[in-house]
Amino acid sequence: MWLAGFAVYVGACNPAIARVRGQVVAVEPVDDEIEICVSGPTDAGSTYGDDTFDDPECWSGVVDDELPSVGDCVTLQVQGESSRLEVEPASGCAAQGE
């Protein structure tokens, strides 16, 4: 019984493994995925992983959202062991001087 409850809890929670915010400097196809690179990267609420980033920081995955344009301030998010890369509009990117 406890295991069934635990499985439901974990499935419902599904926290983001990593989130980063920055100004888009490149959006390019790589194999079957999209690579998005951001400058001025900052942690945007990761629950696991590094809190230091390269500049530019490049993440890739399958993007179902609208692709950002160079210069946009976005938050990128990867989920678990999935190849999904979520892209959300953001504000406060260091590269924008905000």
PDB file of N, CA and C in Angstrom:
ATOM      1  N   MET A   1       0.822  -1.189   0.000  1.00  0.00           N
ATOM      2  CA  MET A   1       0.000   0.000   0.000  1.00  0.00           C
ATOM      3  C   MET A   1       0.867   1.254   0.000  1.00  0.00           C
ATOM      4  N   TRP A   2       1.891   1.265   0.838  1.00  0.00           N
ATOM      5  CA  TRP A   2       2.765   2.432   0.894  1.00  0.00           C
ATOM      6  C   TRP A   2       3.461   2.655  -0.447  1.00  0.00           C
ATOM      7  N   LEU A   3       3.901   1.583  -1.095  1.00  0.00           N
ATOM      8  CA  LEU A   3       4.572   1.720  -2.384  1.00  0.00           C
ATOM      9  C   LEU A   3       3.647   2.319  -3.432  1.00  0.00           C
ATOM     10  N   ALA A   4       2.400   1.920  -3.444  1.00  0.00           N
ATOM     11  CA  ALA A   4       1.455   2.482  -4.412  1.00  0.00           C
ATOM     12  C   ALA A   4       1.281   3.972  -4.167  1.00  0.00           C
ATOM     13  N   GLY A   5       1.173   4.371  -2.901  1.00  0.00           N
ATOM     14  CA  GLY A   5       1.050   5.789  -2.569  1.00  0.00           C
ATOM     15  C   GLY A   5       2.297   6.566  -2.949  1.00  0.00           C
ATOM     16  N   PHE A   6       3.460   5.950  -2.731  1.00  0.00           N
ATOM     17  CA  PHE A   6       4.717   6.598  -3.084  1.00  0.00           C
ATOM     18  C   PHE A   6       4.810   6.811  -4.588  1.00  0.00           C
ATOM     19  N   ALA A   7       4.411   5.818  -5.375  1.00  0.00           N
ATOM     20  CA  ALA A   7       4.468   5.934  -6.832  1.00  0.00           C
ATOM     21  C   ALA A   7       3.549   7.046  -7.321  1.00  0.00           C
ATOM     22  N   VAL A   8       2.390   7.161  -6.730  1.00  0.00           N
ATOM     23  CA  VAL A   8       1.465   8.234  -7.117  1.00  0.00           C
ATOM     24  C   VAL A   8       2.064   9.588  -6.768  1.00  0.00           C
ATOM     25  N   TYR A   9       2.666   9.688  -5.586  1.00  0.00           N
ATOM     26  CA  TYR A   9       3.283  10.949  -5.164  1.00  0.00           C
ATOM     27  C   TYR A   9       4.396  11.366  -6.118  1.00  0.00           C
ATOM     28  N   VAL A  10       5.283  10.439  -6.454  1.00  0.00           N
ATOM     29  CA  VAL A  10       6.393  10.757  -7.348  1.00  0.00           C
ATOM     30  C   VAL A  10       5.866  11.139  -8.724  1.00  0.00           C
ATOM     31  N   GLY A  11       4.911  10.407  -9.249  1.00  0.00           N
ATOM     32  CA  GLY A  11       4.369  10.704 -10.570  1.00  0.00           C
ATOM     33  C   GLY A  11       3.694  12.055 -10.616  1.00  0.00           C
ATOM     34  N   ALA A  12       3.022  12.447  -9.553  1.00  0.00           N
ATOM     35  CA  ALA A  12       2.310  13.724  -9.531  1.00  0.00           C
ATOM     36  C   ALA A  12       3.271  14.886  -9.362  1.00  0.00           C
ATOM     37  N   CYS A  13       4.373  14.664  -8.679  1.00  0.00           N
ATOM     38  CA  CYS A  13       5.305  15.756  -8.369  1.00  0.00           C
ATOM     39  C   CYS A  13       6.136  16.124  -9.601  1.00  0.00           C
ATOM     40  N   ASN A  14       6.853  15.167 -10.188  1.00  0.00           N
ATOM     41  CA  ASN A  14       7.634  15.331 -11.407  1.00  0.00           C
ATOM     42  C   ASN A  14       8.389  16.663 -11.473  1.00  0.00           C
ATOM     43  N   PRO A  15       9.290  16.918 -10.523  1.00  0.00           N
ATOM     44  CA  PRO A  15       9.992  18.202 -10.506  1.00  0.00           C
ATOM     45  C   PRO A  15      10.953  18.371 -11.676  1.00  0.00           C
ATOM     46  N   ALA A  16      11.237  19.606 -12.028  1.00  0.00           N
ATOM     47  CA  ALA A  16      12.210  19.889 -13.079  1.00  0.00           C
ATOM     48  C   ALA A  16      13.583  19.478 -12.589  1.00  0.00           C
ATOM     49  N   ILE A  17      14.318  18.788 -13.409  1.00  0.00           N
ATOM     50  CA  ILE A  17      15.679  18.417 -13.053  1.00  0.00           C
ATOM     51  C   ILE A  17      16.577  19.655 -13.143  1.00  0.00           C
ATOM     52  N   ALA A  18      16.422  20.453 -14.177  1.00  0.00           N
ATOM     53  CA  ALA A  18      17.289  21.623 -14.339  1.00  0.00           C
ATOM     54  C   ALA A  18      16.546  22.731 -15.069  1.00  0.00           C
ATOM     55  N   ARG A  19      16.749  23.952 -14.598  1.00  0.00           N
ATOM     56  CA  ARG A  19      16.172  25.141 -15.228  1.00  0.00           C
ATOM     57  C   ARG A  19      17.252  26.217 -15.274  1.00  0.00           C
ATOM     58  N   VAL A  20      17.340  26.897 -16.399  1.00  0.00           N
ATOM     59  CA  VAL A  20      18.309  27.979 -16.550  1.00  0.00           C
ATOM     60  C   VAL A  20      17.630  29.132 -17.289  1.00  0.00           C
ATOM     61  N   ARG A  21      17.960  30.360 -16.900  1.00  0.00           N
ATOM     62  CA  ARG A  21      17.422  31.555 -17.575  1.00  0.00           C
ATOM     63  C   ARG A  21      18.587  32.286 -18.223  1.00  0.00           C
ATOM     64  N   GLY A  22      18.343  32.826 -19.426  1.00  0.00           N
ATOM     65  CA  GLY A  22      19.372  33.594 -20.112  1.00  0.00           C
ATOM     66  C   GLY A  22      18.847  34.174 -21.414  1.00  0.00           C
ATOM     67  N   GLN A  23      19.703  34.952 -22.059  1.00  0.00           N
ATOM     68  CA  GLN A  23      19.347  35.585 -23.327  1.00  0.00           C
ATOM     69  C   GLN A  23      19.799  34.678 -24.471  1.00  0.00           C
ATOM     70  N   VAL A  24      18.877  34.378 -25.373  1.00  0.00           N
ATOM     71  CA  VAL A  24      19.150  33.454 -26.477  1.00  0.00           C
ATOM     72  C   VAL A  24      20.196  34.054 -27.426  1.00  0.00           C
ATOM     73  N   VAL A  25      21.244  33.260 -27.698  1.00  0.00           N
ATOM     74  CA  VAL A  25      22.270  33.677 -28.659  1.00  0.00           C
ATOM     75  C   VAL A  25      22.308  32.753 -29.875  1.00  0.00           C
ATOM     76  N   ALA A  26      21.661  31.567 -29.785  1.00  0.00           N
ATOM     77  CA  ALA A  26      21.627  30.646 -30.928  1.00  0.00           C
ATOM     78  C   ALA A  26      20.487  29.651 -30.757  1.00  0.00           C
ATOM     79  N   VAL A  27      19.859  29.319 -31.892  1.00  0.00           N
ATOM     80  CA  VAL A  27      18.830  28.278 -31.955  1.00  0.00           C
ATOM     81  C   VAL A  27      19.130  27.481 -33.214  1.00  0.00           C
ATOM     82  N   GLU A  28      19.534  26.206 -33.045  1.00  0.00           N
ATOM     83  CA  GLU A  28      19.946  25.422 -34.201  1.00  0.00           C
ATOM     84  C   GLU A  28      19.477  23.980 -34.087  1.00  0.00           C
ATOM     85  N   PRO A  29      19.114  23.371 -35.231  1.00  0.00           N
ATOM     86  CA  PRO A  29      18.778  21.946 -35.211  1.00  0.00           C
ATOM     87  C   PRO A  29      20.044  21.108 -35.044  1.00  0.00           C
ATOM     88  N   VAL A  30      19.949  20.061 -34.214  1.00  0.00           N
ATOM     89  CA  VAL A  30      21.040  19.112 -34.029  1.00  0.00           C
ATOM     90  C   VAL A  30      20.402  17.729 -34.057  1.00  0.00           C
ATOM     91  N   ASP A  31      20.651  16.994 -35.121  1.00  0.00           N
ATOM     92  CA  ASP A  31      20.006  15.699 -35.342  1.00  0.00           C
ATOM     93  C   ASP A  31      18.489  15.892 -35.291  1.00  0.00           C
ATOM     94  N   ASP A  32      17.795  15.171 -34.403  1.00  0.00           N
ATOM     95  CA  ASP A  32      16.333  15.268 -34.314  1.00  0.00           C
ATOM     96  C   ASP A  32      15.889  16.230 -33.219  1.00  0.00           C
ATOM     97  N   GLU A  33      16.830  16.990 -32.673  1.00  0.00           N
ATOM     98  CA  GLU A  33      16.529  17.894 -31.567  1.00  0.00           C
ATOM     99  C   GLU A  33      16.871  19.332 -31.948  1.00  0.00           C
ATOM    100  N   ILE A  34      16.579  20.240 -31.032  1.00  0.00           N
ATOM    101  CA  ILE A  34      16.922  21.648 -31.196  1.00  0.00           C
ATOM    102  C   ILE A  34      17.900  22.020 -30.091  1.00  0.00           C
ATOM    103  N   GLU A  35      18.977  22.708 -30.442  1.00  0.00           N
ATOM    104  CA  GLU A  35      19.919  23.214 -29.445  1.00  0.00           C
ATOM    105  C   GLU A  35      19.677  24.710 -29.282  1.00  0.00           C
ATOM    106  N   ILE A  36      19.506  25.133 -28.033  1.00  0.00           N
ATOM    107  CA  ILE A  36      19.308  26.540 -27.713  1.00  0.00           C
ATOM    108  C   ILE A  36      20.432  26.967 -26.779  1.00  0.00           C
ATOM    109  N   CYS A  37      21.143  28.025 -27.155  1.00  0.00           N
ATOM    110  CA  CYS A  37      22.238  28.545 -26.346  1.00  0.00           C
ATOM    111  C   CYS A  37      21.838  29.900 -25.786  1.00  0.00           C
ATOM    112  N   VAL A  38      22.134  30.098 -24.492  1.00  0.00           N
ATOM    113  CA  VAL A  38      21.820  31.367 -23.838  1.00  0.00           C
ATOM    114  C   VAL A  38      23.079  31.961 -23.226  1.00  0.00           C
ATOM    115  N   SER A  39      23.156  33.293 -23.239  1.00  0.00           N
ATOM    116  CA  SER A  39      24.272  33.978 -22.575  1.00  0.00           C
ATOM    117  C   SER A  39      23.769  34.544 -21.248  1.00  0.00           C
ATOM    118  N   GLY A  40      24.693  34.812 -20.340  1.00  0.00           N
ATOM    119  CA  GLY A  40      24.332  35.308 -19.020  1.00  0.00           C
ATOM    120  C   GLY A  40      23.475  34.325 -18.252  1.00  0.00           C
ATOM    121  N   PRO A  41      23.778  33.008 -18.315  1.00  0.00           N
ATOM    122  CA  PRO A  41      22.904  32.011 -17.704  1.00  0.00           C
ATOM    123  C   PRO A  41      22.879  32.109 -16.178  1.00  0.00           C
ATOM    124  N   THR A  42      21.681  31.961 -15.614  1.00  0.00           N
ATOM    125  CA  THR A  42      21.506  31.909 -14.161  1.00  0.00           C
ATOM    126  C   THR A  42      20.560  30.760 -13.827  1.00  0.00           C
ATOM    127  N   ASP A  43      20.733  30.197 -12.649  1.00  0.00           N
ATOM    128  CA  ASP A  43      19.867  29.120 -12.190  1.00  0.00           C
ATOM    129  C   ASP A  43      18.450  29.656 -12.060  1.00  0.00           C
ATOM    130  N   ALA A  44      17.478  28.883 -12.531  1.00  0.00           N
ATOM    131  CA  ALA A  44      16.076  29.314 -12.492  1.00  0.00           C
ATOM    132  C   ALA A  44      15.217  28.320 -11.721  1.00  0.00           C
ATOM    133  N   GLY A  45      15.781  27.753 -10.650  1.00  0.00           N
ATOM    134  CA  GLY A  45      14.994  26.878  -9.803  1.00  0.00           C
ATOM    135  C   GLY A  45      15.245  25.402 -10.015  1.00  0.00           C
ATOM    136  N   SER A  46      16.475  25.018 -10.325  1.00  0.00           N
ATOM    137  CA  SER A  46      16.792  23.607 -10.501  1.00  0.00           C
ATOM    138  C   SER A  46      16.609  22.856  -9.195  1.00  0.00           C
ATOM    139  N   THR A  47      16.158  21.617  -9.298  1.00  0.00           N
ATOM    140  CA  THR A  47      16.039  20.775  -8.116  1.00  0.00           C
ATOM    141  C   THR A  47      17.186  19.775  -8.040  1.00  0.00           C
ATOM    142  N   TYR A  48      18.012  19.752  -9.071  1.00  0.00           N
ATOM    143  CA  TYR A  48      19.110  18.801  -9.134  1.00  0.00           C
ATOM    144  C   TYR A  48      20.112  19.328 -10.151  1.00  0.00           C
ATOM    145  N   GLY A  49      21.368  19.035  -9.941  1.00  0.00           N
ATOM    146  CA  GLY A  49      22.368  19.384 -10.946  1.00  0.00           C
ATOM    147  C   GLY A  49      23.186  20.600 -10.562  1.00  0.00           C
ATOM    148  N   ASP A  50      23.992  21.050 -11.493  1.00  0.00           N
ATOM    149  CA  ASP A  50      24.913  22.157 -11.264  1.00  0.00           C
ATOM    150  C   ASP A  50      24.178  23.479 -11.145  1.00  0.00           C
ATOM    151  N   ASP A  51      24.801  24.396 -10.413  1.00  0.00           N
ATOM    152  CA  ASP A  51      24.285  25.761 -10.391  1.00  0.00           C
ATOM    153  C   ASP A  51      25.322  26.715 -10.970  1.00  0.00           C
ATOM    154  N   THR A  52      26.337  26.149 -11.639  1.00  0.00           N
ATOM    155  CA  THR A  52      27.296  26.953 -12.388  1.00  0.00           C
ATOM    156  C   THR A  52      27.164  26.566 -13.853  1.00  0.00           C
ATOM    157  N   PHE A  53      27.323  27.543 -14.722  1.00  0.00           N
ATOM    158  CA  PHE A  53      27.062  27.316 -16.141  1.00  0.00           C
ATOM    159  C   PHE A  53      28.172  27.895 -16.997  1.00  0.00           C
ATOM    160  N   ASP A  54      28.304  27.342 -18.209  1.00  0.00           N
ATOM    161  CA  ASP A  54      29.187  27.921 -19.213  1.00  0.00           C
ATOM    162  C   ASP A  54      28.497  29.155 -19.780  1.00  0.00           C
ATOM    163  N   ASP A  55      29.253  30.004 -20.434  1.00  0.00           N
ATOM    164  CA  ASP A  55      28.648  31.162 -21.108  1.00  0.00           C
ATOM    165  C   ASP A  55      29.239  31.240 -22.509  1.00  0.00           C
ATOM    166  N   PRO A  56      28.479  30.827 -23.518  1.00  0.00           N
ATOM    167  CA  PRO A  56      27.060  30.505 -23.487  1.00  0.00           C
ATOM    168  C   PRO A  56      26.810  29.093 -22.969  1.00  0.00           C
ATOM    169  N   GLU A  57      25.623  28.895 -22.411  1.00  0.00           N
ATOM    170  CA  GLU A  57      25.148  27.593 -21.949  1.00  0.00           C
ATOM    171  C   GLU A  57      24.217  27.044 -23.027  1.00  0.00           C
ATOM    172  N   CYS A  58      24.492  25.842 -23.522  1.00  0.00           N
ATOM    173  CA  CYS A  58      23.705  25.265 -24.614  1.00  0.00           C
ATOM    174  C   CYS A  58      23.016  23.991 -24.152  1.00  0.00           C
ATOM    175  N   TRP A  59      21.702  23.939 -24.330  1.00  0.00           N
ATOM    176  CA  TRP A  59      20.910  22.762 -23.998  1.00  0.00           C
ATOM    177  C   TRP A  59      20.177  22.320 -25.246  1.00  0.00           C
ATOM    178  N   SER A  60      19.968  21.004 -25.381  1.00  0.00           N
ATOM    179  CA  SER A  60      19.239  20.511 -26.544  1.00  0.00           C
ATOM    180  C   SER A  60      18.170  19.519 -26.121  1.00  0.00           C
ATOM    181  N   GLY A  61      17.170  19.382 -26.974  1.00  0.00           N
ATOM    182  CA  GLY A  61      16.090  18.448 -26.733  1.00  0.00           C
ATOM    183  C   GLY A  61      14.988  18.652 -27.750  1.00  0.00           C
ATOM    184  N   VAL A  62      13.924  17.892 -27.579  1.00  0.00           N
ATOM    185  CA  VAL A  62      12.743  18.023 -28.429  1.00  0.00           C
ATOM    186  C   VAL A  62      11.926  19.174 -27.874  1.00  0.00           C
ATOM    187  N   VAL A  63      11.653  20.169 -28.721  1.00  0.00           N
ATOM    188  CA  VAL A  63      10.931  21.371 -28.286  1.00  0.00           C
ATOM    189  C   VAL A  63       9.535  21.361 -28.899  1.00  0.00           C
ATOM    190  N   ASP A  64       8.516  21.305 -28.038  1.00  0.00           N
ATOM    191  CA  ASP A  64       7.126  21.369 -28.502  1.00  0.00           C
ATOM    192  C   ASP A  64       6.620  22.806 -28.509  1.00  0.00           C
ATOM    193  N   ASP A  65       7.301  23.675 -27.749  1.00  0.00           N
ATOM    194  CA  ASP A  65       6.900  25.074 -27.648  1.00  0.00           C
ATOM    195  C   ASP A  65       7.375  25.844 -28.879  1.00  0.00           C
ATOM    196  N   GLU A  66       6.919  27.079 -28.997  1.00  0.00           N
ATOM    197  CA  GLU A  66       7.398  27.948 -30.067  1.00  0.00           C
ATOM    198  C   GLU A  66       8.883  28.234 -29.834  1.00  0.00           C
ATOM    199  N   LEU A  67       9.663  28.161 -30.894  1.00  0.00           N
ATOM    200  CA  LEU A  67      11.097  28.408 -30.757  1.00  0.00           C
ATOM    201  C   LEU A  67      11.351  29.888 -30.472  1.00  0.00           C
ATOM    202  N   PRO A  68      12.286  30.179 -29.589  1.00  0.00           N
ATOM    203  CA  PRO A  68      12.612  31.574 -29.307  1.00  0.00           C
ATOM    204  C   PRO A  68      13.482  32.154 -30.418  1.00  0.00           C
ATOM    205  N   SER A  69      13.587  33.462 -30.422  1.00  0.00           N
ATOM    206  CA  SER A  69      14.465  34.163 -31.366  1.00  0.00           C
ATOM    207  C   SER A  69      15.711  34.612 -30.632  1.00  0.00           C
ATOM    208  N   VAL A  70      16.790  34.822 -31.384  1.00  0.00           N
ATOM    209  CA  VAL A  70      18.010  35.369 -30.805  1.00  0.00           C
ATOM    210  C   VAL A  70      17.651  36.710 -30.163  1.00  0.00           C
ATOM    211  N   GLY A  71      18.104  36.903 -28.931  1.00  0.00           N
ATOM    212  CA  GLY A  71      17.825  38.131 -28.186  1.00  0.00           C
ATOM    213  C   GLY A  71      16.709  37.980 -27.166  1.00  0.00           C
ATOM    214  N   ASP A  72      15.877  36.935 -27.303  1.00  0.00           N
ATOM    215  CA  ASP A  72      14.803  36.707 -26.330  1.00  0.00           C
ATOM    216  C   ASP A  72      15.387  36.283 -24.987  1.00  0.00           C
ATOM    217  N   CYS A  73      14.716  36.676 -23.914  1.00  0.00           N
ATOM    218  CA  CYS A  73      15.048  36.213 -22.571  1.00  0.00           C
ATOM    219  C   CYS A  73      14.126  35.032 -22.290  1.00  0.00           C
ATOM    220  N   VAL A  74      14.707  33.863 -21.973  1.00  0.00           N
ATOM    221  CA  VAL A  74      13.912  32.654 -21.794  1.00  0.00           C
ATOM    222  C   VAL A  74      14.381  31.861 -20.578  1.00  0.00           C
ATOM    223  N   THR A  75      13.513  30.972 -20.140  1.00  0.00           N
ATOM    224  CA  THR A  75      13.876  29.936 -19.183  1.00  0.00           C
ATOM    225  C   THR A  75      13.795  28.611 -19.924  1.00  0.00           C
ATOM    226  N   LEU A  76      14.877  27.835 -19.840  1.00  0.00           N
ATOM    227  CA  LEU A  76      14.915  26.496 -20.429  1.00  0.00           C
ATOM    228  C   LEU A  76      14.763  25.490 -19.298  1.00  0.00           C
ATOM    229  N   GLN A  77      14.043  24.415 -19.570  1.00  0.00           N
ATOM    230  CA  GLN A  77      13.816  23.401 -18.545  1.00  0.00           C
ATOM    231  C   GLN A  77      13.905  22.013 -19.155  1.00  0.00           C
ATOM    232  N   VAL A  78      14.661  21.137 -18.498  1.00  0.00           N
ATOM    233  CA  VAL A  78      14.683  19.727 -18.877  1.00  0.00           C
ATOM    234  C   VAL A  78      14.039  18.938 -17.759  1.00  0.00           C
ATOM    235  N   GLN A  79      13.394  17.842 -18.144  1.00  0.00           N
ATOM    236  CA  GLN A  79      12.587  17.065 -17.217  1.00  0.00           C
ATOM    237  C   GLN A  79      13.103  15.639 -17.142  1.00  0.00           C
ATOM    238  N   GLY A  80      13.522  15.191 -15.977  1.00  0.00           N
ATOM    239  CA  GLY A  80      13.904  13.800 -15.772  1.00  0.00           C
ATOM    240  C   GLY A  80      14.828  13.253 -16.841  1.00  0.00           C
ATOM    241  N   GLU A  81      14.543  12.043 -17.287  1.00  0.00           N
ATOM    242  CA  GLU A  81      15.357  11.402 -18.310  1.00  0.00           C
ATOM    243  C   GLU A  81      14.754  11.578 -19.689  1.00  0.00           C
ATOM    244  N   SER A  82      13.875  12.514 -19.835  1.00  0.00           N
ATOM    245  CA  SER A  82      13.195  12.782 -21.096  1.00  0.00           C
ATOM    246  C   SER A  82      14.097  13.627 -21.994  1.00  0.00           C
ATOM    247  N   SER A  83      13.808  13.607 -23.279  1.00  0.00           N
ATOM    248  CA  SER A  83      14.564  14.458 -24.195  1.00  0.00           C
ATOM    249  C   SER A  83      13.815  15.766 -24.469  1.00  0.00           C
ATOM    250  N   ARG A  84      12.737  16.027 -23.709  1.00  0.00           N
ATOM    251  CA  ARG A  84      11.963  17.266 -23.885  1.00  0.00           C
ATOM    252  C   ARG A  84      12.733  18.459 -23.336  1.00  0.00           C
ATOM    253  N   LEU A  85      12.688  19.527 -24.074  1.00  0.00           N
ATOM    254  CA  LEU A  85      13.258  20.801 -23.650  1.00  0.00           C
ATOM    255  C   LEU A  85      12.130  21.819 -23.705  1.00  0.00           C
ATOM    256  N   GLU A  86      11.741  22.336 -22.533  1.00  0.00           N
ATOM    257  CA  GLU A  86      10.669  23.319 -22.484  1.00  0.00           C
ATOM    258  C   GLU A  86      11.272  24.719 -22.510  1.00  0.00           C
ATOM    259  N   VAL A  87      10.607  25.614 -23.232  1.00  0.00           N
ATOM    260  CA  VAL A  87      11.072  26.990 -23.391  1.00  0.00           C
ATOM    261  C   VAL A  87       9.955  27.923 -22.937  1.00  0.00           C
ATOM    262  N   GLU A  88      10.259  28.804 -21.970  1.00  0.00           N
ATOM    263  CA  GLU A  88       9.286  29.754 -21.468  1.00  0.00           C
ATOM    264  C   GLU A  88       9.837  31.163 -21.590  1.00  0.00           C
ATOM    265  N   PRO A  89       9.018  32.132 -21.996  1.00  0.00           N
ATOM    266  CA  PRO A  89       9.466  33.521 -21.983  1.00  0.00           C
ATOM    267  C   PRO A  89       9.822  33.931 -20.551  1.00  0.00           C
ATOM    268  N   ALA A  90      10.821  34.764 -20.394  1.00  0.00           N
ATOM    269  CA  ALA A  90      11.257  35.203 -19.066  1.00  0.00           C
ATOM    270  C   ALA A  90      11.654  36.669 -19.119  1.00  0.00           C
ATOM    271  N   SER A  91      11.973  37.208 -17.972  1.00  0.00           N
ATOM    272  CA  SER A  91      12.505  38.568 -17.891  1.00  0.00           C
ATOM    273  C   SER A  91      13.661  38.558 -16.904  1.00  0.00           C
ATOM    274  N   GLY A  92      14.435  39.610 -16.890  1.00  0.00           N
ATOM    275  CA  GLY A  92      15.525  39.720 -15.941  1.00  0.00           C
ATOM    276  C   GLY A  92      16.818  39.078 -16.386  1.00  0.00           C
ATOM    277  N   CYS A  93      17.006  38.901 -17.678  1.00  0.00           N
ATOM    278  CA  CYS A  93      18.256  38.319 -18.155  1.00  0.00           C
ATOM    279  C   CYS A  93      19.389  39.312 -17.969  1.00  0.00           C
ATOM    280  N   ALA A  94      20.489  38.820 -17.419  1.00  0.00           N
ATOM    281  CA  ALA A  94      21.654  39.677 -17.162  1.00  0.00           C
ATOM    282  C   ALA A  94      22.182  40.300 -18.454  1.00  0.00           C
ATOM    283  N   ALA A  95      22.131  39.538 -19.546  1.00  0.00           N
ATOM    284  CA  ALA A  95      22.647  40.037 -20.820  1.00  0.00           C
ATOM    285  C   ALA A  95      21.814  41.182 -21.373  1.00  0.00           C
ATOM    286  N   GLN A  96      20.564  41.315 -20.876  1.00  0.00           N
ATOM    287  CA  GLN A  96      19.707  42.408 -21.317  1.00  0.00           C
ATOM    288  C   GLN A  96      19.923  43.656 -20.475  1.00  0.00           C
ATOM    289  N   GLY A  97      20.711  43.523 -19.423  1.00  0.00           N
ATOM    290  CA  GLY A  97      20.952  44.667 -18.544  1.00  0.00           C
ATOM    291  C   GLY A  97      19.787  44.960 -17.625  1.00  0.00           C
ATOM    292  N   GLU A  98      18.896  43.972 -17.408  1.00  0.00           N
ATOM    293  CA  GLU A  98      17.740  44.189 -16.528  1.00  0.00           C
ATOM    294  C   GLU A  98      18.078  43.850 -15.106  1.00  0.00           C
TER     295      GLU A  98
END
